[in-house]
Amino acid sequence: MSNVIISGHSFKVKITSAEIQKAVSVIAKQINADLKHKNPLFLCVLNGSFMFVADLMKKVTIECTVSFIKLSSYEGGMTSSGTVKQLIGINEDVKGRTVVIVEDIVDTGETIEFVANQLQDLGAAEIKIASLLFKPEAYTKSMTIDYTAIVAPNDFLVGYGLDYKGHGRNLSDIYVLDYIEDELLKRKLI
């Protein structure tokens, strides 16, 4: 598989589309079994989770509802700013409900902690977390990630909803920065 160039950086395939779909099917099956009679609300964190939630919801067969919030902790770079900004908040009644926070990636855990605290304040009965990717090396919180599709290295990833400076979300595979190719690009040797 060939590299892709995004905003002047070279990225190589890390996780294929087939691997992603297999992992999404596994956690959908777990969710279907665990939450069968709970009519959960899936609260999807935009922008990054849009591809994951679309594929996940096709495989979740239990009664449920879906809503979206928009948060930001990256400011165009390759690392989290450490501050979560709420751009579109929770507009669903969550009192007494099981809520599943759906994330594209959990690294430090700042975003899920922020959302979980809001849900607790609003009276959610149970909070679960489903993430496409989980970076245990970067994770600094104590909350349990209930449904992890793929455990990922602590690298910057792009594709399948994840972006770099707004680009790359549309890619069906997940890519990692190719440091060797990137250095050659910077030197204009390739």
N, C-alpha and C. Protein backbone atom coordinates (compact mmCIF):
# COMPACT_ATOMS: atom_id res chain seq x y z
N MET A 1 0.84 -1.19 0.00
CA MET A 1 0.00 0.00 0.00
C MET A 1 0.88 1.24 0.00
N SER A 2 0.47 2.22 -0.74
CA SER A 2 1.31 3.41 -0.87
C SER A 2 0.98 4.44 0.19
N ASN A 3 1.94 5.29 0.42
CA ASN A 3 1.77 6.38 1.37
C ASN A 3 0.83 7.44 0.82
N VAL A 4 0.28 8.24 1.73
CA VAL A 4 -0.50 9.40 1.34
C VAL A 4 0.20 10.64 1.89
N ILE A 5 0.07 11.72 1.18
CA ILE A 5 0.64 12.99 1.63
C ILE A 5 -0.51 13.87 2.10
N ILE A 6 -0.42 14.33 3.35
CA ILE A 6 -1.44 15.18 3.94
C ILE A 6 -0.76 16.40 4.54
N SER A 7 -1.12 17.56 4.04
CA SER A 7 -0.54 18.83 4.51
C SER A 7 0.99 18.77 4.58
N GLY A 8 1.59 18.19 3.55
CA GLY A 8 3.04 18.18 3.44
C GLY A 8 3.74 17.08 4.23
N HIS A 9 2.99 16.17 4.84
CA HIS A 9 3.59 15.06 5.60
C HIS A 9 3.21 13.74 4.97
N SER A 10 4.12 12.79 5.05
CA SER A 10 3.89 11.46 4.49
C SER A 10 3.37 10.51 5.58
N PHE A 11 2.29 9.81 5.26
CA PHE A 11 1.69 8.85 6.19
C PHE A 11 1.61 7.49 5.52
N LYS A 12 1.86 6.42 6.30
CA LYS A 12 1.77 5.06 5.79
C LYS A 12 0.64 4.32 6.52
N VAL A 13 0.09 3.30 5.87
CA VAL A 13 -1.02 2.54 6.43
C VAL A 13 -0.58 1.86 7.72
N LYS A 14 -1.39 2.02 8.75
CA LYS A 14 -1.17 1.35 10.05
C LYS A 14 -2.25 0.31 10.31
N ILE A 15 -3.52 0.66 10.02
CA ILE A 15 -4.65 -0.24 10.25
C ILE A 15 -5.51 -0.22 8.99
N THR A 16 -5.73 -1.38 8.40
CA THR A 16 -6.49 -1.43 7.15
C THR A 16 -7.99 -1.33 7.42
N SER A 17 -8.71 -0.99 6.38
CA SER A 17 -10.16 -0.90 6.44
C SER A 17 -10.77 -2.23 6.88
N ALA A 18 -10.23 -3.34 6.38
CA ALA A 18 -10.74 -4.67 6.75
C ALA A 18 -10.56 -4.93 8.25
N GLU A 19 -9.40 -4.53 8.79
CA GLU A 19 -9.16 -4.70 10.24
C GLU A 19 -10.12 -3.84 11.05
N ILE A 20 -10.37 -2.64 10.57
CA ILE A 20 -11.30 -1.74 11.26
C ILE A 20 -12.70 -2.35 11.29
N GLN A 21 -13.17 -2.81 10.13
CA GLN A 21 -14.53 -3.36 10.06
C GLN A 21 -14.69 -4.60 10.94
N LYS A 22 -13.68 -5.43 11.00
CA LYS A 22 -13.72 -6.62 11.86
C LYS A 22 -13.81 -6.20 13.33
N ALA A 23 -13.03 -5.23 13.74
CA ALA A 23 -13.03 -4.75 15.13
C ALA A 23 -14.36 -4.08 15.48
N VAL A 24 -14.93 -3.33 14.57
CA VAL A 24 -16.23 -2.67 14.80
C VAL A 24 -17.31 -3.74 14.98
N SER A 25 -17.27 -4.79 14.19
CA SER A 25 -18.24 -5.88 14.33
C SER A 25 -18.16 -6.55 15.70
N VAL A 26 -16.94 -6.73 16.20
CA VAL A 26 -16.75 -7.37 17.51
C VAL A 26 -17.38 -6.53 18.62
N ILE A 27 -17.12 -5.22 18.64
CA ILE A 27 -17.70 -4.43 19.74
C ILE A 27 -19.20 -4.22 19.56
N ALA A 28 -19.69 -4.19 18.33
CA ALA A 28 -21.14 -4.09 18.12
C ALA A 28 -21.83 -5.31 18.71
N LYS A 29 -21.23 -6.46 18.53
CA LYS A 29 -21.79 -7.70 19.09
C LYS A 29 -21.81 -7.62 20.62
N GLN A 30 -20.75 -7.11 21.22
CA GLN A 30 -20.69 -6.95 22.68
C GLN A 30 -21.77 -5.98 23.16
N ILE A 31 -21.92 -4.87 22.47
CA ILE A 31 -22.93 -3.87 22.83
C ILE A 31 -24.32 -4.46 22.71
N ASN A 32 -24.58 -5.17 21.63
CA ASN A 32 -25.90 -5.80 21.45
C ASN A 32 -26.23 -6.74 22.60
N ALA A 33 -25.25 -7.47 23.09
CA ALA A 33 -25.48 -8.40 24.20
C ALA A 33 -25.62 -7.65 25.53
N ASP A 34 -24.71 -6.72 25.80
CA ASP A 34 -24.67 -6.04 27.10
C ASP A 34 -25.85 -5.09 27.33
N LEU A 35 -26.28 -4.41 26.28
CA LEU A 35 -27.26 -3.33 26.44
C LEU A 35 -28.62 -3.67 25.81
N LYS A 36 -28.88 -4.93 25.63
CA LYS A 36 -30.05 -5.41 24.91
C LYS A 36 -31.37 -4.78 25.35
N HIS A 37 -31.61 -4.67 26.62
CA HIS A 37 -32.90 -4.18 27.12
C HIS A 37 -32.79 -2.78 27.75
N LYS A 38 -31.76 -2.03 27.39
CA LYS A 38 -31.53 -0.73 28.04
C LYS A 38 -31.88 0.47 27.18
N ASN A 39 -32.20 0.29 25.91
CA ASN A 39 -32.51 1.41 25.01
C ASN A 39 -31.51 2.56 25.19
N PRO A 40 -30.22 2.29 24.95
CA PRO A 40 -29.21 3.31 25.21
C PRO A 40 -29.26 4.48 24.24
N LEU A 41 -28.72 5.59 24.70
CA LEU A 41 -28.47 6.75 23.85
C LEU A 41 -26.99 6.70 23.49
N PHE A 42 -26.69 6.66 22.20
CA PHE A 42 -25.31 6.74 21.74
C PHE A 42 -25.01 8.22 21.50
N LEU A 43 -24.07 8.76 22.27
CA LEU A 43 -23.70 10.16 22.18
C LEU A 43 -22.35 10.24 21.50
N CYS A 44 -22.36 10.64 20.24
CA CYS A 44 -21.19 10.58 19.38
C CYS A 44 -20.45 11.90 19.38
N VAL A 45 -19.14 11.82 19.59
CA VAL A 45 -18.30 13.02 19.66
C VAL A 45 -17.77 13.33 18.27
N LEU A 46 -18.23 14.45 17.73
CA LEU A 46 -17.78 14.92 16.42
C LEU A 46 -16.52 15.75 16.54
N ASN A 47 -15.73 15.85 15.52
CA ASN A 47 -15.95 15.39 14.16
C ASN A 47 -15.42 13.98 13.94
N GLY A 48 -14.44 13.60 14.70
CA GLY A 48 -13.68 12.38 14.42
C GLY A 48 -14.45 11.08 14.41
N SER A 49 -15.53 10.97 15.17
CA SER A 49 -16.21 9.68 15.30
C SER A 49 -17.23 9.42 14.19
N PHE A 50 -17.40 10.32 13.24
CA PHE A 50 -18.50 10.17 12.29
C PHE A 50 -18.43 8.89 11.46
N MET A 51 -17.26 8.46 11.03
CA MET A 51 -17.17 7.22 10.24
C MET A 51 -17.37 6.00 11.13
N PHE A 52 -16.78 6.03 12.31
CA PHE A 52 -16.91 4.93 13.26
C PHE A 52 -18.37 4.75 13.68
N VAL A 53 -19.03 5.84 14.03
CA VAL A 53 -20.42 5.71 14.49
C VAL A 53 -21.33 5.25 13.35
N ALA A 54 -21.07 5.67 12.13
CA ALA A 54 -21.89 5.23 11.00
C ALA A 54 -21.77 3.72 10.82
N ASP A 55 -20.56 3.19 10.89
CA ASP A 55 -20.37 1.75 10.73
C ASP A 55 -20.88 0.98 11.96
N LEU A 56 -20.66 1.52 13.14
CA LEU A 56 -21.11 0.88 14.37
C LEU A 56 -22.63 0.78 14.41
N MET A 57 -23.32 1.85 14.06
CA MET A 57 -24.78 1.86 14.13
C MET A 57 -25.42 0.90 13.12
N LYS A 58 -24.71 0.61 12.03
CA LYS A 58 -25.21 -0.37 11.07
C LYS A 58 -25.21 -1.77 11.65
N LYS A 59 -24.36 -1.99 12.67
CA LYS A 59 -24.20 -3.31 13.26
C LYS A 59 -24.88 -3.44 14.63
N VAL A 60 -25.27 -2.32 15.23
CA VAL A 60 -26.00 -2.36 16.50
C VAL A 60 -27.47 -2.61 16.15
N THR A 61 -27.99 -3.70 16.67
CA THR A 61 -29.35 -4.13 16.30
C THR A 61 -30.37 -3.93 17.41
N ILE A 62 -29.94 -3.42 18.55
CA ILE A 62 -30.86 -3.22 19.67
C ILE A 62 -31.57 -1.88 19.54
N GLU A 63 -32.66 -1.72 20.27
CA GLU A 63 -33.36 -0.44 20.29
C GLU A 63 -32.44 0.61 20.92
N CYS A 64 -32.31 1.75 20.26
CA CYS A 64 -31.42 2.79 20.76
C CYS A 64 -31.74 4.12 20.08
N THR A 65 -31.14 5.18 20.58
CA THR A 65 -31.20 6.48 19.93
C THR A 65 -29.77 6.98 19.76
N VAL A 66 -29.60 7.93 18.86
CA VAL A 66 -28.28 8.46 18.54
C VAL A 66 -28.34 9.99 18.55
N SER A 67 -27.34 10.60 19.15
CA SER A 67 -27.23 12.06 19.13
C SER A 67 -25.75 12.42 19.01
N PHE A 68 -25.49 13.70 18.79
CA PHE A 68 -24.13 14.14 18.52
C PHE A 68 -23.78 15.37 19.36
N ILE A 69 -22.51 15.42 19.75
CA ILE A 69 -21.94 16.61 20.37
C ILE A 69 -20.66 16.92 19.61
N LYS A 70 -20.23 18.16 19.71
CA LYS A 70 -19.00 18.53 19.02
C LYS A 70 -18.07 19.18 20.02
N LEU A 71 -16.91 18.56 20.17
CA LEU A 71 -15.89 19.03 21.10
C LEU A 71 -14.57 19.14 20.35
N SER A 72 -13.65 19.88 20.93
CA SER A 72 -12.33 20.00 20.32
C SER A 72 -11.27 20.07 21.41
N SER A 73 -10.21 19.27 21.23
CA SER A 73 -9.06 19.38 22.12
C SER A 73 -7.77 19.47 21.30
N TYR A 74 -7.89 19.33 19.99
CA TYR A 74 -6.74 19.50 19.09
C TYR A 74 -6.93 20.82 18.38
N GLU A 75 -5.85 21.55 18.22
CA GLU A 75 -5.95 22.85 17.56
C GLU A 75 -5.11 22.86 16.29
N GLY A 76 -5.32 21.83 15.47
CA GLY A 76 -4.64 21.78 14.17
C GLY A 76 -3.30 21.09 14.19
N GLY A 77 -2.80 20.72 15.36
CA GLY A 77 -1.50 20.08 15.42
C GLY A 77 -1.61 18.58 15.56
N MET A 78 -0.54 17.97 16.04
CA MET A 78 -0.49 16.52 16.18
C MET A 78 -0.62 16.08 17.63
N THR A 79 -0.78 17.02 18.56
CA THR A 79 -0.97 16.66 19.96
C THR A 79 -2.14 17.44 20.53
N SER A 80 -2.74 16.88 21.57
CA SER A 80 -3.88 17.51 22.22
C SER A 80 -3.43 18.78 22.93
N SER A 81 -4.31 19.77 22.93
CA SER A 81 -4.02 21.02 23.64
C SER A 81 -4.17 20.84 25.14
N GLY A 82 -4.87 19.76 25.56
CA GLY A 82 -5.12 19.54 26.99
C GLY A 82 -6.36 20.24 27.49
N THR A 83 -6.97 21.06 26.64
CA THR A 83 -8.19 21.77 27.00
C THR A 83 -9.31 21.35 26.06
N VAL A 84 -10.46 20.99 26.65
CA VAL A 84 -11.60 20.57 25.85
C VAL A 84 -12.53 21.77 25.66
N LYS A 85 -12.86 22.05 24.41
CA LYS A 85 -13.80 23.12 24.09
C LYS A 85 -15.10 22.50 23.59
N GLN A 86 -16.21 22.94 24.15
CA GLN A 86 -17.52 22.43 23.71
C GLN A 86 -18.06 23.35 22.63
N LEU A 87 -18.27 22.80 21.44
CA LEU A 87 -18.78 23.59 20.33
C LEU A 87 -20.28 23.36 20.12
N ILE A 88 -20.74 22.12 20.29
CA ILE A 88 -22.17 21.77 20.29
C ILE A 88 -22.38 20.84 21.47
N GLY A 89 -23.25 21.22 22.39
CA GLY A 89 -23.42 20.48 23.63
C GLY A 89 -24.51 19.42 23.58
N ILE A 90 -24.73 18.82 24.73
CA ILE A 90 -25.74 17.77 24.89
C ILE A 90 -27.11 18.42 24.89
N ASN A 91 -27.96 18.00 23.96
CA ASN A 91 -29.31 18.56 23.91
C ASN A 91 -30.38 17.48 24.06
N GLU A 92 -30.01 16.34 24.65
CA GLU A 92 -30.92 15.23 24.88
C GLU A 92 -31.20 15.12 26.38
N ASP A 93 -32.38 14.62 26.72
CA ASP A 93 -32.69 14.33 28.11
C ASP A 93 -32.05 12.99 28.47
N VAL A 94 -31.04 13.01 29.32
CA VAL A 94 -30.31 11.79 29.66
C VAL A 94 -30.66 11.27 31.05
N LYS A 95 -31.54 11.97 31.75
CA LYS A 95 -31.88 11.58 33.12
C LYS A 95 -32.40 10.14 33.15
N GLY A 96 -31.74 9.30 33.96
CA GLY A 96 -32.14 7.92 34.13
C GLY A 96 -31.79 6.99 32.98
N ARG A 97 -31.04 7.47 31.99
CA ARG A 97 -30.73 6.66 30.80
C ARG A 97 -29.33 6.07 30.84
N THR A 98 -29.16 5.02 30.07
CA THR A 98 -27.83 4.49 29.78
C THR A 98 -27.32 5.27 28.57
N VAL A 99 -26.16 5.87 28.72
CA VAL A 99 -25.57 6.66 27.64
C VAL A 99 -24.22 6.05 27.27
N VAL A 100 -24.01 5.86 25.98
CA VAL A 100 -22.74 5.35 25.47
C VAL A 100 -22.04 6.51 24.76
N ILE A 101 -20.93 6.95 25.31
CA ILE A 101 -20.11 7.98 24.66
C ILE A 101 -19.32 7.27 23.55
N VAL A 102 -19.47 7.75 22.32
CA VAL A 102 -18.78 7.13 21.19
C VAL A 102 -17.68 8.07 20.72
N GLU A 103 -16.44 7.60 20.85
CA GLU A 103 -15.27 8.39 20.50
C GLU A 103 -14.49 7.72 19.36
N ASP A 104 -13.81 8.52 18.57
CA ASP A 104 -12.93 7.97 17.55
C ASP A 104 -11.66 7.44 18.19
N ILE A 105 -11.13 8.21 19.17
CA ILE A 105 -9.86 7.83 19.78
C ILE A 105 -9.82 8.36 21.22
N VAL A 106 -9.36 7.52 22.11
CA VAL A 106 -9.13 7.95 23.49
C VAL A 106 -7.63 7.90 23.71
N ASP A 107 -7.06 9.09 23.94
CA ASP A 107 -5.64 9.13 24.28
C ASP A 107 -5.50 9.57 25.73
N THR A 108 -5.43 10.85 26.02
CA THR A 108 -5.27 11.28 27.41
C THR A 108 -6.51 11.01 28.26
N GLY A 109 -7.69 11.04 27.63
CA GLY A 109 -8.93 10.83 28.35
C GLY A 109 -9.63 12.10 28.76
N GLU A 110 -9.06 13.24 28.43
CA GLU A 110 -9.65 14.54 28.81
C GLU A 110 -11.07 14.69 28.27
N THR A 111 -11.28 14.33 27.01
CA THR A 111 -12.59 14.51 26.39
C THR A 111 -13.65 13.63 27.04
N ILE A 112 -13.35 12.35 27.23
CA ILE A 112 -14.37 11.47 27.81
C ILE A 112 -14.68 11.85 29.25
N GLU A 113 -13.67 12.29 29.99
CA GLU A 113 -13.92 12.72 31.37
C GLU A 113 -14.83 13.95 31.37
N PHE A 114 -14.59 14.88 30.46
CA PHE A 114 -15.39 16.09 30.33
C PHE A 114 -16.85 15.73 30.05
N VAL A 115 -17.08 14.84 29.08
CA VAL A 115 -18.44 14.45 28.71
C VAL A 115 -19.10 13.64 29.83
N ALA A 116 -18.36 12.71 30.42
CA ALA A 116 -18.92 11.88 31.50
C ALA A 116 -19.35 12.74 32.69
N ASN A 117 -18.57 13.73 33.03
CA ASN A 117 -18.94 14.63 34.13
C ASN A 117 -20.23 15.38 33.82
N GLN A 118 -20.37 15.83 32.59
CA GLN A 118 -21.61 16.50 32.18
C GLN A 118 -22.80 15.56 32.28
N LEU A 119 -22.62 14.33 31.80
CA LEU A 119 -23.70 13.35 31.83
C LEU A 119 -24.11 13.01 33.27
N GLN A 120 -23.13 12.89 34.15
CA GLN A 120 -23.44 12.64 35.56
C GLN A 120 -24.24 13.80 36.14
N ASP A 121 -23.84 15.02 35.84
CA ASP A 121 -24.55 16.21 36.33
C ASP A 121 -25.98 16.26 35.81
N LEU A 122 -26.20 15.71 34.61
CA LEU A 122 -27.53 15.71 34.00
C LEU A 122 -28.37 14.50 34.42
N GLY A 123 -27.81 13.63 35.24
CA GLY A 123 -28.58 12.52 35.81
C GLY A 123 -28.58 11.22 35.02
N ALA A 124 -27.60 11.00 34.16
CA ALA A 124 -27.52 9.71 33.45
C ALA A 124 -27.39 8.58 34.46
N ALA A 125 -28.12 7.49 34.23
CA ALA A 125 -28.10 6.36 35.15
C ALA A 125 -26.83 5.53 34.99
N GLU A 126 -26.35 5.43 33.77
CA GLU A 126 -25.18 4.59 33.47
C GLU A 126 -24.45 5.21 32.30
N ILE A 127 -23.13 5.26 32.40
CA ILE A 127 -22.31 5.81 31.33
C ILE A 127 -21.33 4.76 30.88
N LYS A 128 -21.35 4.48 29.58
CA LYS A 128 -20.41 3.54 28.96
C LYS A 128 -19.59 4.31 27.93
N ILE A 129 -18.42 3.78 27.61
CA ILE A 129 -17.56 4.43 26.62
C ILE A 129 -17.19 3.42 25.55
N ALA A 130 -17.42 3.80 24.30
CA ALA A 130 -17.03 2.99 23.14
C ALA A 130 -16.06 3.82 22.31
N SER A 131 -14.91 3.25 22.05
CA SER A 131 -13.91 3.98 21.27
C SER A 131 -13.34 3.09 20.17
N LEU A 132 -13.20 3.66 18.99
CA LEU A 132 -12.56 2.94 17.91
C LEU A 132 -11.13 2.61 18.30
N LEU A 133 -10.40 3.62 18.77
CA LEU A 133 -8.99 3.46 19.12
C LEU A 133 -8.76 3.86 20.57
N PHE A 134 -7.88 3.16 21.23
CA PHE A 134 -7.49 3.48 22.60
C PHE A 134 -5.98 3.43 22.68
N LYS A 135 -5.38 4.51 23.23
CA LYS A 135 -3.93 4.60 23.40
C LYS A 135 -3.61 4.47 24.89
N PRO A 136 -3.40 3.27 25.40
CA PRO A 136 -3.16 3.10 26.83
C PRO A 136 -1.92 3.83 27.34
N GLU A 137 -0.91 4.00 26.48
CA GLU A 137 0.32 4.69 26.89
C GLU A 137 0.08 6.17 27.18
N ALA A 138 -0.93 6.76 26.54
CA ALA A 138 -1.21 8.19 26.71
C ALA A 138 -2.30 8.45 27.75
N TYR A 139 -3.05 7.42 28.12
CA TYR A 139 -4.23 7.56 28.97
C TYR A 139 -3.84 7.96 30.39
N THR A 140 -4.45 9.04 30.89
CA THR A 140 -4.12 9.56 32.23
C THR A 140 -5.30 9.52 33.20
N LYS A 141 -6.44 8.99 32.78
CA LYS A 141 -7.64 8.99 33.62
C LYS A 141 -7.90 7.59 34.17
N SER A 142 -8.88 7.48 35.07
CA SER A 142 -9.17 6.19 35.68
C SER A 142 -10.46 5.56 35.16
N MET A 143 -11.20 6.26 34.31
CA MET A 143 -12.45 5.71 33.78
C MET A 143 -12.17 4.48 32.91
N THR A 144 -13.08 3.52 32.98
CA THR A 144 -12.97 2.32 32.17
C THR A 144 -13.48 2.58 30.76
N ILE A 145 -12.72 2.13 29.77
CA ILE A 145 -13.18 2.18 28.39
C ILE A 145 -13.88 0.84 28.17
N ASP A 146 -15.21 0.86 28.10
CA ASP A 146 -16.00 -0.37 28.08
C ASP A 146 -15.86 -1.15 26.78
N TYR A 147 -15.78 -0.44 25.67
CA TYR A 147 -15.74 -1.09 24.36
C TYR A 147 -14.62 -0.46 23.54
N THR A 148 -13.53 -1.18 23.39
CA THR A 148 -12.39 -0.71 22.59
C THR A 148 -12.29 -1.59 21.36
N ALA A 149 -12.36 -0.98 20.19
CA ALA A 149 -12.22 -1.74 18.96
C ALA A 149 -10.77 -2.13 18.72
N ILE A 150 -9.86 -1.15 18.84
CA ILE A 150 -8.45 -1.38 18.52
C ILE A 150 -7.57 -0.64 19.53
N VAL A 151 -6.61 -1.36 20.12
CA VAL A 151 -5.60 -0.72 20.97
C VAL A 151 -4.51 -0.21 20.03
N ALA A 152 -4.19 1.08 20.18
CA ALA A 152 -3.26 1.72 19.23
C ALA A 152 -2.01 2.21 19.95
N PRO A 153 -0.92 2.31 19.21
CA PRO A 153 0.30 2.88 19.79
C PRO A 153 0.12 4.38 19.99
N ASN A 154 0.99 4.95 20.79
CA ASN A 154 0.90 6.38 21.07
C ASN A 154 1.55 7.19 19.93
N ASP A 155 1.02 6.99 18.74
CA ASP A 155 1.49 7.70 17.54
C ASP A 155 0.37 8.60 17.04
N PHE A 156 0.73 9.57 16.22
CA PHE A 156 -0.29 10.40 15.59
C PHE A 156 -0.89 9.63 14.43
N LEU A 157 -2.23 9.50 14.45
CA LEU A 157 -2.93 8.71 13.43
C LEU A 157 -3.89 9.60 12.65
N VAL A 158 -4.14 9.21 11.40
CA VAL A 158 -5.04 9.96 10.53
C VAL A 158 -5.79 8.98 9.64
N GLY A 159 -7.01 9.36 9.27
CA GLY A 159 -7.85 8.53 8.41
C GLY A 159 -9.03 7.96 9.18
N TYR A 160 -10.04 7.51 8.46
CA TYR A 160 -11.26 6.94 9.04
C TYR A 160 -11.84 7.87 10.12
N GLY A 161 -11.94 9.13 9.74
CA GLY A 161 -12.51 10.14 10.64
C GLY A 161 -11.48 10.99 11.35
N LEU A 162 -10.28 10.47 11.54
CA LEU A 162 -9.20 11.21 12.20
C LEU A 162 -8.55 12.14 11.18
N ASP A 163 -8.18 13.32 11.62
CA ASP A 163 -7.64 14.28 10.66
C ASP A 163 -6.31 14.87 11.08
N TYR A 164 -5.67 15.49 10.14
CA TYR A 164 -4.53 16.37 10.39
C TYR A 164 -4.84 17.68 9.69
N LYS A 165 -5.04 18.73 10.48
CA LYS A 165 -5.38 20.05 9.96
C LYS A 165 -6.63 20.00 9.07
N GLY A 166 -7.60 19.15 9.46
CA GLY A 166 -8.85 19.04 8.74
C GLY A 166 -8.83 18.09 7.56
N HIS A 167 -7.68 17.54 7.22
CA HIS A 167 -7.55 16.67 6.05
C HIS A 167 -7.38 15.21 6.48
N GLY A 168 -7.81 14.30 5.60
CA GLY A 168 -7.58 12.88 5.80
C GLY A 168 -8.74 12.12 6.43
N ARG A 169 -9.78 12.82 6.87
CA ARG A 169 -10.91 12.14 7.52
C ARG A 169 -11.58 11.13 6.59
N ASN A 170 -11.53 11.37 5.30
CA ASN A 170 -12.23 10.55 4.31
C ASN A 170 -11.52 9.24 3.97
N LEU A 171 -10.33 9.02 4.45
CA LEU A 171 -9.57 7.82 4.11
C LEU A 171 -10.18 6.60 4.81
N SER A 172 -10.26 5.48 4.10
CA SER A 172 -10.89 4.29 4.69
C SER A 172 -9.94 3.49 5.58
N ASP A 173 -8.64 3.68 5.43
CA ASP A 173 -7.64 3.06 6.30
C ASP A 173 -7.18 4.09 7.33
N ILE A 174 -6.46 3.63 8.34
CA ILE A 174 -5.85 4.54 9.31
C ILE A 174 -4.35 4.55 9.05
N TYR A 175 -3.78 5.74 9.03
CA TYR A 175 -2.38 5.94 8.68
C TYR A 175 -1.60 6.51 9.87
N VAL A 176 -0.30 6.26 9.87
CA VAL A 176 0.62 6.79 10.86
C VAL A 176 1.69 7.58 10.11
N LEU A 177 2.23 8.59 10.78
CA LEU A 177 3.29 9.39 10.17
C LEU A 177 4.47 8.50 9.82
N ASP A 178 4.94 8.59 8.60
CA ASP A 178 6.10 7.83 8.14
C ASP A 178 7.30 8.76 8.26
N TYR A 179 8.03 8.62 9.36
CA TYR A 179 9.12 9.55 9.66
C TYR A 179 10.22 9.53 8.61
N ILE A 180 10.52 8.35 8.07
CA ILE A 180 11.58 8.25 7.06
C ILE A 180 11.15 8.98 5.79
N GLU A 181 9.96 8.65 5.28
CA GLU A 181 9.47 9.32 4.07
C GLU A 181 9.28 10.81 4.30
N ASP A 182 8.82 11.17 5.51
CA ASP A 182 8.58 12.57 5.83
C ASP A 182 9.89 13.37 5.79
N GLU A 183 10.95 12.80 6.32
CA GLU A 183 12.25 13.49 6.29
C GLU A 183 12.72 13.67 4.85
N LEU A 184 12.51 12.64 4.04
CA LEU A 184 12.90 12.76 2.62
C LEU A 184 12.06 13.82 1.92
N LEU A 185 10.78 13.89 2.24
CA LEU A 185 9.92 14.93 1.67
C LEU A 185 10.42 16.32 2.06
N LYS A 186 10.75 16.48 3.34
CA LYS A 186 11.22 17.77 3.81
C LYS A 186 12.49 18.19 3.09
N ARG A 187 13.32 17.22 2.78
CA ARG A 187 14.57 17.51 2.07
C ARG A 187 14.36 17.54 0.55
N LYS A 188 13.10 17.25 0.14
CA LYS A 188 12.73 17.23 -1.28
C LYS A 188 13.55 16.21 -2.06
N LEU A 189 13.79 15.06 -1.41
CA LEU A 189 14.54 14.01 -2.07
C LEU A 189 13.64 12.99 -2.76
N ILE A 190 12.32 13.05 -2.50
CA ILE A 190 11.41 12.12 -3.19
C ILE A 190 10.35 12.92 -3.93
